[in-house]
Structure formats: C-alpha cells, structure tokens
Amino acid sequence: MDDLYGEQDRERGLPSTVAWLAEEVGELAQAVRKGTPEQQLHELGDVLAWLSSLANQVGLSLEDAAQRYVDNPP
C-alpha cells in the first residue's frame, strides 16, 4: 500500500485519512446489514486499505497490531 499510495496518503494527512477510514467502516456496516457477500468483500477491502494507510502514516505495523491478539489477547 505504501508503494502505491504512500506519497498521496502523507499529503492527505492523518485527519483526512481517519475521516475516510470512518466513512468506509460505515459503508462496511451497511454492506453487512443489507449487502451481498461481494459488496461486503469490497467494503472489507476498502477498510483494510484505509487502515493500512493510517498505519503507514503513523509508522506502525498492522502485523504487529494483529500479533497482540496472538501473544496477549484482551
């Protein structure tokens, strides 16, 4: 994701990225309630893309974040 969109993402900045992520989570929620499996998959991908963008901008790893649930689940 960083190779494809990193420069654009950094120019957009954190506040806009968080806003886009929130919008995509809303679209995912709607797809889960009323959409087809194809629409749900599409929205899951969009959420992952924006989450990846956010992680890249703050210098954190999604893999490290997920590992928390393996090593020390809440």
PDB file of N, CA and C in Angstrom:
ATOM      1  N   MET A   1       0.824  -1.189   0.000  1.00  0.00           N
ATOM      2  CA  MET A   1       0.000   0.000   0.000  1.00  0.00           C
ATOM      3  C   MET A   1       0.868   1.252   0.000  1.00  0.00           C
ATOM      4  N   ASP A   2       1.920   1.206   0.769  1.00  0.00           N
ATOM      5  CA  ASP A   2       2.771   2.392   0.840  1.00  0.00           C
ATOM      6  C   ASP A   2       3.416   2.669  -0.511  1.00  0.00           C
ATOM      7  N   ASP A   3       3.812   1.596  -1.226  1.00  0.00           N
ATOM      8  CA  ASP A   3       4.411   1.796  -2.547  1.00  0.00           C
ATOM      9  C   ASP A   3       3.423   2.434  -3.511  1.00  0.00           C
ATOM     10  N   LEU A   4       2.167   2.027  -3.447  1.00  0.00           N
ATOM     11  CA  LEU A   4       1.154   2.545  -4.364  1.00  0.00           C
ATOM     12  C   LEU A   4       0.656   3.929  -3.975  1.00  0.00           C
ATOM     13  N   TYR A   5       0.393   4.133  -2.689  1.00  0.00           N
ATOM     14  CA  TYR A   5      -0.327   5.328  -2.257  1.00  0.00           C
ATOM     15  C   TYR A   5       0.373   6.153  -1.189  1.00  0.00           C
ATOM     16  N   GLY A   6       1.549   5.735  -0.759  1.00  0.00           N
ATOM     17  CA  GLY A   6       2.205   6.380   0.375  1.00  0.00           C
ATOM     18  C   GLY A   6       2.357   7.882   0.256  1.00  0.00           C
ATOM     19  N   GLU A   7       2.844   8.338  -0.885  1.00  0.00           N
ATOM     20  CA  GLU A   7       3.058   9.776  -1.047  1.00  0.00           C
ATOM     21  C   GLU A   7       1.729  10.533  -0.986  1.00  0.00           C
ATOM     22  N   GLN A   8       0.727  10.045  -1.695  1.00  0.00           N
ATOM     23  CA  GLN A   8      -0.598  10.675  -1.664  1.00  0.00           C
ATOM     24  C   GLN A   8      -1.167  10.667  -0.248  1.00  0.00           C
ATOM     25  N   ASP A   9      -1.013   9.536   0.442  1.00  0.00           N
ATOM     26  CA  ASP A   9      -1.556   9.410   1.789  1.00  0.00           C
ATOM     27  C   ASP A   9      -0.915  10.424   2.732  1.00  0.00           C
ATOM     28  N   ARG A  10       0.398  10.559   2.650  1.00  0.00           N
ATOM     29  CA  ARG A  10       1.083  11.509   3.525  1.00  0.00           C
ATOM     30  C   ARG A  10       0.663  12.947   3.211  1.00  0.00           C
ATOM     31  N   GLU A  11       0.452  13.249   1.937  1.00  0.00           N
ATOM     32  CA  GLU A  11      -0.010  14.590   1.562  1.00  0.00           C
ATOM     33  C   GLU A  11      -1.419  14.849   2.098  1.00  0.00           C
ATOM     34  N   ARG A  12      -2.257  13.815   2.090  1.00  0.00           N
ATOM     35  CA  ARG A  12      -3.635  13.944   2.587  1.00  0.00           C
ATOM     36  C   ARG A  12      -3.624  14.228   4.074  1.00  0.00           C
ATOM     37  N   GLY A  13      -2.757  13.521   4.806  1.00  0.00           N
ATOM     38  CA  GLY A  13      -2.612  13.726   6.239  1.00  0.00           C
ATOM     39  C   GLY A  13      -3.503  12.840   7.082  1.00  0.00           C
ATOM     40  N   LEU A  14      -3.190  12.814   8.356  1.00  0.00           N
ATOM     41  CA  LEU A  14      -3.885  11.941   9.295  1.00  0.00           C
ATOM     42  C   LEU A  14      -5.367  12.268   9.481  1.00  0.00           C
ATOM     43  N   PRO A  15      -5.752  13.526   9.684  1.00  0.00           N
ATOM     44  CA  PRO A  15      -7.179  13.794   9.914  1.00  0.00           C
ATOM     45  C   PRO A  15      -8.065  13.319   8.755  1.00  0.00           C
ATOM     46  N   SER A  16      -7.640  13.570   7.532  1.00  0.00           N
ATOM     47  CA  SER A  16      -8.432  13.127   6.382  1.00  0.00           C
ATOM     48  C   SER A  16      -8.437  11.620   6.253  1.00  0.00           C
ATOM     49  N   THR A  17      -7.318  10.986   6.556  1.00  0.00           N
ATOM     50  CA  THR A  17      -7.253   9.528   6.478  1.00  0.00           C
ATOM     51  C   THR A  17      -8.194   8.895   7.495  1.00  0.00           C
ATOM     52  N   VAL A  18      -8.215   9.429   8.695  1.00  0.00           N
ATOM     53  CA  VAL A  18      -9.125   8.906   9.720  1.00  0.00           C
ATOM     54  C   VAL A  18     -10.579   9.116   9.285  1.00  0.00           C
ATOM     55  N   ALA A  19     -10.874  10.253   8.686  1.00  0.00           N
ATOM     56  CA  ALA A  19     -12.237  10.517   8.213  1.00  0.00           C
ATOM     57  C   ALA A  19     -12.635   9.527   7.125  1.00  0.00           C
ATOM     58  N   TRP A  20     -11.731   9.262   6.190  1.00  0.00           N
ATOM     59  CA  TRP A  20     -12.028   8.286   5.138  1.00  0.00           C
ATOM     60  C   TRP A  20     -12.208   6.892   5.718  1.00  0.00           C
ATOM     61  N   LEU A  21     -11.366   6.533   6.675  1.00  0.00           N
ATOM     62  CA  LEU A  21     -11.494   5.218   7.316  1.00  0.00           C
ATOM     63  C   LEU A  21     -12.858   5.092   7.991  1.00  0.00           C
ATOM     64  N   ALA A  22     -13.266   6.120   8.706  1.00  0.00           N
ATOM     65  CA  ALA A  22     -14.566   6.089   9.384  1.00  0.00           C
ATOM     66  C   ALA A  22     -15.704   5.951   8.367  1.00  0.00           C
ATOM     67  N   GLU A  23     -15.598   6.652   7.264  1.00  0.00           N
ATOM     68  CA  GLU A  23     -16.628   6.546   6.225  1.00  0.00           C
ATOM     69  C   GLU A  23     -16.693   5.119   5.676  1.00  0.00           C
ATOM     70  N   GLU A  24     -15.533   4.522   5.442  1.00  0.00           N
ATOM     71  CA  GLU A  24     -15.504   3.156   4.912  1.00  0.00           C
ATOM     72  C   GLU A  24     -16.046   2.146   5.921  1.00  0.00           C
ATOM     73  N   VAL A  25     -15.792   2.365   7.206  1.00  0.00           N
ATOM     74  CA  VAL A  25     -16.362   1.475   8.226  1.00  0.00           C
ATOM     75  C   VAL A  25     -17.888   1.577   8.197  1.00  0.00           C
ATOM     76  N   GLY A  26     -18.403   2.770   8.001  1.00  0.00           N
ATOM     77  CA  GLY A  26     -19.846   2.940   7.870  1.00  0.00           C
ATOM     78  C   GLY A  26     -20.393   2.202   6.657  1.00  0.00           C
ATOM     79  N   GLU A  27     -19.688   2.282   5.542  1.00  0.00           N
ATOM     80  CA  GLU A  27     -20.121   1.564   4.344  1.00  0.00           C
ATOM     81  C   GLU A  27     -20.049   0.052   4.552  1.00  0.00           C
ATOM     82  N   LEU A  28     -19.048  -0.405   5.288  1.00  0.00           N
ATOM     83  CA  LEU A  28     -18.952  -1.833   5.611  1.00  0.00           C
ATOM     84  C   LEU A  28     -20.128  -2.259   6.474  1.00  0.00           C
ATOM     85  N   ALA A  29     -20.472  -1.455   7.460  1.00  0.00           N
ATOM     86  CA  ALA A  29     -21.607  -1.785   8.326  1.00  0.00           C
ATOM     87  C   ALA A  29     -22.889  -1.902   7.512  1.00  0.00           C
ATOM     88  N   GLN A  30     -23.080  -0.997   6.581  1.00  0.00           N
ATOM     89  CA  GLN A  30     -24.270  -1.054   5.743  1.00  0.00           C
ATOM     90  C   GLN A  30     -24.251  -2.299   4.855  1.00  0.00           C
ATOM     91  N   ALA A  31     -23.100  -2.637   4.314  1.00  0.00           N
ATOM     92  CA  ALA A  31     -22.993  -3.830   3.469  1.00  0.00           C
ATOM     93  C   ALA A  31     -23.255  -5.099   4.269  1.00  0.00           C
ATOM     94  N   VAL A  32     -22.801  -5.121   5.510  1.00  0.00           N
ATOM     95  CA  VAL A  32     -23.041  -6.300   6.357  1.00  0.00           C
ATOM     96  C   VAL A  32     -24.538  -6.433   6.624  1.00  0.00           C
ATOM     97  N   ARG A  33     -25.212  -5.320   6.854  1.00  0.00           N
ATOM     98  CA  ARG A  33     -26.648  -5.365   7.140  1.00  0.00           C
ATOM     99  C   ARG A  33     -27.480  -5.688   5.911  1.00  0.00           C
ATOM    100  N   LYS A  34     -27.136  -5.109   4.769  1.00  0.00           N
ATOM    101  CA  LYS A  34     -28.037  -5.165   3.620  1.00  0.00           C
ATOM    102  C   LYS A  34     -27.391  -5.625   2.320  1.00  0.00           C
ATOM    103  N   GLY A  35     -26.100  -5.833   2.326  1.00  0.00           N
ATOM    104  CA  GLY A  35     -25.409  -6.086   1.071  1.00  0.00           C
ATOM    105  C   GLY A  35     -25.201  -7.557   0.756  1.00  0.00           C
ATOM    106  N   THR A  36     -24.686  -7.765  -0.421  1.00  0.00           N
ATOM    107  CA  THR A  36     -24.334  -9.105  -0.872  1.00  0.00           C
ATOM    108  C   THR A  36     -22.941  -9.457  -0.348  1.00  0.00           C
ATOM    109  N   PRO A  37     -22.587 -10.738  -0.381  1.00  0.00           N
ATOM    110  CA  PRO A  37     -21.219 -11.099   0.001  1.00  0.00           C
ATOM    111  C   PRO A  37     -20.163 -10.360  -0.831  1.00  0.00           C
ATOM    112  N   GLU A  38     -20.441 -10.115  -2.092  1.00  0.00           N
ATOM    113  CA  GLU A  38     -19.488  -9.387  -2.941  1.00  0.00           C
ATOM    114  C   GLU A  38     -19.326  -7.948  -2.469  1.00  0.00           C
ATOM    115  N   GLN A  39     -20.431  -7.307  -2.103  1.00  0.00           N
ATOM    116  CA  GLN A  39     -20.359  -5.937  -1.583  1.00  0.00           C
ATOM    117  C   GLN A  39     -19.631  -5.905  -0.240  1.00  0.00           C
ATOM    118  N   GLN A  40     -19.877  -6.891   0.597  1.00  0.00           N
ATOM    119  CA  GLN A  40     -19.204  -6.968   1.888  1.00  0.00           C
ATOM    120  C   GLN A  40     -17.702  -7.124   1.699  1.00  0.00           C
ATOM    121  N   LEU A  41     -17.309  -7.993   0.771  1.00  0.00           N
ATOM    122  CA  LEU A  41     -15.882  -8.202   0.499  1.00  0.00           C
ATOM    123  C   LEU A  41     -15.235  -6.923  -0.017  1.00  0.00           C
ATOM    124  N   HIS A  42     -15.935  -6.227  -0.899  1.00  0.00           N
ATOM    125  CA  HIS A  42     -15.431  -4.954  -1.428  1.00  0.00           C
ATOM    126  C   HIS A  42     -15.190  -3.960  -0.295  1.00  0.00           C
ATOM    127  N   GLU A  43     -16.149  -3.831   0.585  1.00  0.00           N
ATOM    128  CA  GLU A  43     -16.019  -2.865   1.683  1.00  0.00           C
ATOM    129  C   GLU A  43     -14.960  -3.294   2.692  1.00  0.00           C
ATOM    130  N   LEU A  44     -14.826  -4.602   2.938  1.00  0.00           N
ATOM    131  CA  LEU A  44     -13.729  -5.079   3.800  1.00  0.00           C
ATOM    132  C   LEU A  44     -12.383  -4.654   3.219  1.00  0.00           C
ATOM    133  N   GLY A  45     -12.241  -4.788   1.909  1.00  0.00           N
ATOM    134  CA  GLY A  45     -11.001  -4.367   1.258  1.00  0.00           C
ATOM    135  C   GLY A  45     -10.747  -2.881   1.414  1.00  0.00           C
ATOM    136  N   ASP A  46     -11.807  -2.077   1.262  1.00  0.00           N
ATOM    137  CA  ASP A  46     -11.651  -0.636   1.427  1.00  0.00           C
ATOM    138  C   ASP A  46     -11.217  -0.280   2.850  1.00  0.00           C
ATOM    139  N   VAL A  47     -11.825  -0.927   3.841  1.00  0.00           N
ATOM    140  CA  VAL A  47     -11.449  -0.672   5.233  1.00  0.00           C
ATOM    141  C   VAL A  47      -9.991  -1.061   5.462  1.00  0.00           C
ATOM    142  N   LEU A  48      -9.599  -2.207   4.947  1.00  0.00           N
ATOM    143  CA  LEU A  48      -8.205  -2.637   5.112  1.00  0.00           C
ATOM    144  C   LEU A  48      -7.232  -1.656   4.453  1.00  0.00           C
ATOM    145  N   ALA A  49      -7.602  -1.154   3.296  1.00  0.00           N
ATOM    146  CA  ALA A  49      -6.727  -0.209   2.597  1.00  0.00           C
ATOM    147  C   ALA A  49      -6.544   1.073   3.400  1.00  0.00           C
ATOM    148  N   TRP A  50      -7.635   1.623   3.925  1.00  0.00           N
ATOM    149  CA  TRP A  50      -7.526   2.852   4.697  1.00  0.00           C
ATOM    150  C   TRP A  50      -6.838   2.617   6.037  1.00  0.00           C
ATOM    151  N   LEU A  51      -7.068   1.455   6.644  1.00  0.00           N
ATOM    152  CA  LEU A  51      -6.374   1.127   7.883  1.00  0.00           C
ATOM    153  C   LEU A  51      -4.874   0.991   7.636  1.00  0.00           C
ATOM    154  N   SER A  52      -4.525   0.384   6.517  1.00  0.00           N
ATOM    155  CA  SER A  52      -3.120   0.269   6.144  1.00  0.00           C
ATOM    156  C   SER A  52      -2.490   1.639   5.919  1.00  0.00           C
ATOM    157  N   SER A  53      -3.229   2.521   5.259  1.00  0.00           N
ATOM    158  CA  SER A  53      -2.742   3.877   5.049  1.00  0.00           C
ATOM    159  C   SER A  53      -2.469   4.572   6.378  1.00  0.00           C
ATOM    160  N   LEU A  54      -3.396   4.430   7.300  1.00  0.00           N
ATOM    161  CA  LEU A  54      -3.224   5.047   8.618  1.00  0.00           C
ATOM    162  C   LEU A  54      -2.007   4.473   9.332  1.00  0.00           C
ATOM    163  N   ALA A  55      -1.873   3.163   9.318  1.00  0.00           N
ATOM    164  CA  ALA A  55      -0.727   2.520   9.972  1.00  0.00           C
ATOM    165  C   ALA A  55       0.588   3.020   9.365  1.00  0.00           C
ATOM    166  N   ASN A  56       0.631   3.108   8.045  1.00  0.00           N
ATOM    167  CA  ASN A  56       1.854   3.587   7.391  1.00  0.00           C
ATOM    168  C   ASN A  56       2.173   5.013   7.805  1.00  0.00           C
ATOM    169  N   GLN A  57       1.156   5.854   7.882  1.00  0.00           N
ATOM    170  CA  GLN A  57       1.395   7.259   8.216  1.00  0.00           C
ATOM    171  C   GLN A  57       1.895   7.446   9.643  1.00  0.00           C
ATOM    172  N   VAL A  58       1.474   6.588  10.556  1.00  0.00           N
ATOM    173  CA  VAL A  58       1.936   6.726  11.946  1.00  0.00           C
ATOM    174  C   VAL A  58       3.139   5.833  12.231  1.00  0.00           C
ATOM    175  N   GLY A  59       3.597   5.099  11.215  1.00  0.00           N
ATOM    176  CA  GLY A  59       4.807   4.294  11.359  1.00  0.00           C
ATOM    177  C   GLY A  59       4.623   3.026  12.172  1.00  0.00           C
ATOM    178  N   LEU A  60       3.427   2.457  12.111  1.00  0.00           N
ATOM    179  CA  LEU A  60       3.154   1.228  12.850  1.00  0.00           C
ATOM    180  C   LEU A  60       2.812   0.099  11.885  1.00  0.00           C
ATOM    181  N   SER A  61       2.959  -1.123  12.369  1.00  0.00           N
ATOM    182  CA  SER A  61       2.731  -2.309  11.561  1.00  0.00           C
ATOM    183  C   SER A  61       1.396  -2.952  11.910  1.00  0.00           C
ATOM    184  N   LEU A  62       0.582  -3.207  10.896  1.00  0.00           N
ATOM    185  CA  LEU A  62      -0.665  -3.939  11.137  1.00  0.00           C
ATOM    186  C   LEU A  62      -0.365  -5.357  11.598  1.00  0.00           C
ATOM    187  N   GLU A  63       0.719  -5.923  11.120  1.00  0.00           N
ATOM    188  CA  GLU A  63       1.108  -7.262  11.564  1.00  0.00           C
ATOM    189  C   GLU A  63       1.407  -7.259  13.064  1.00  0.00           C
ATOM    190  N   ASP A  64       2.122  -6.250  13.530  1.00  0.00           N
ATOM    191  CA  ASP A  64       2.397  -6.140  14.967  1.00  0.00           C
ATOM    192  C   ASP A  64       1.110  -5.940  15.758  1.00  0.00           C
ATOM    193  N   ALA A  65       0.198  -5.152  15.221  1.00  0.00           N
ATOM    194  CA  ALA A  65      -1.076  -4.922  15.908  1.00  0.00           C
ATOM    195  C   ALA A  65      -1.869  -6.221  16.018  1.00  0.00           C
ATOM    196  N   ALA A  66      -1.891  -7.002  14.949  1.00  0.00           N
ATOM    197  CA  ALA A  66      -2.617  -8.275  14.973  1.00  0.00           C
ATOM    198  C   ALA A  66      -1.941  -9.285  15.895  1.00  0.00           C
ATOM    199  N   GLN A  67      -0.629  -9.219  15.983  1.00  0.00           N
ATOM    200  CA  GLN A  67       0.116 -10.164  16.825  1.00  0.00           C
ATOM    201  C   GLN A  67      -0.278 -10.044  18.288  1.00  0.00           C
ATOM    202  N   ARG A  68      -0.724  -8.875  18.693  1.00  0.00           N
ATOM    203  CA  ARG A  68      -1.180  -8.677  20.067  1.00  0.00           C
ATOM    204  C   ARG A  68      -2.263  -9.696  20.449  1.00  0.00           C
ATOM    205  N   TYR A  69      -3.111 -10.020  19.491  1.00  0.00           N
ATOM    206  CA  TYR A  69      -4.201 -10.961  19.759  1.00  0.00           C
ATOM    207  C   TYR A  69      -3.719 -12.411  19.830  1.00  0.00           C
ATOM    208  N   VAL A  70      -2.510 -12.652  19.369  1.00  0.00           N
ATOM    209  CA  VAL A  70      -1.892 -13.973  19.488  1.00  0.00           C
ATOM    210  C   VAL A  70      -1.143 -14.057  20.816  1.00  0.00           C
ATOM    211  N   ASP A  71      -0.356 -13.025  21.102  1.00  0.00           N
ATOM    212  CA  ASP A  71       0.525 -13.027  22.268  1.00  0.00           C
ATOM    213  C   ASP A  71      -0.176 -12.686  23.569  1.00  0.00           C
ATOM    214  N   ASN A  72      -1.090 -11.728  23.531  1.00  0.00           N
ATOM    215  CA  ASN A  72      -1.700 -11.231  24.758  1.00  0.00           C
ATOM    216  C   ASN A  72      -3.117 -10.724  24.464  1.00  0.00           C
ATOM    217  N   PRO A  73      -4.024 -11.629  24.153  1.00  0.00           N
ATOM    218  CA  PRO A  73      -5.370 -11.177  23.786  1.00  0.00           C
ATOM    219  C   PRO A  73      -6.075 -10.475  24.938  1.00  0.00           C
ATOM    220  N   PRO A  74      -6.888  -9.476  24.596  1.00  0.00           N
ATOM    221  CA  PRO A  74      -7.598  -8.746  25.654  1.00  0.00           C
ATOM    222  C   PRO A  74      -8.679  -9.598  26.300  1.00  0.00           C
TER     223      PRO A  74
END
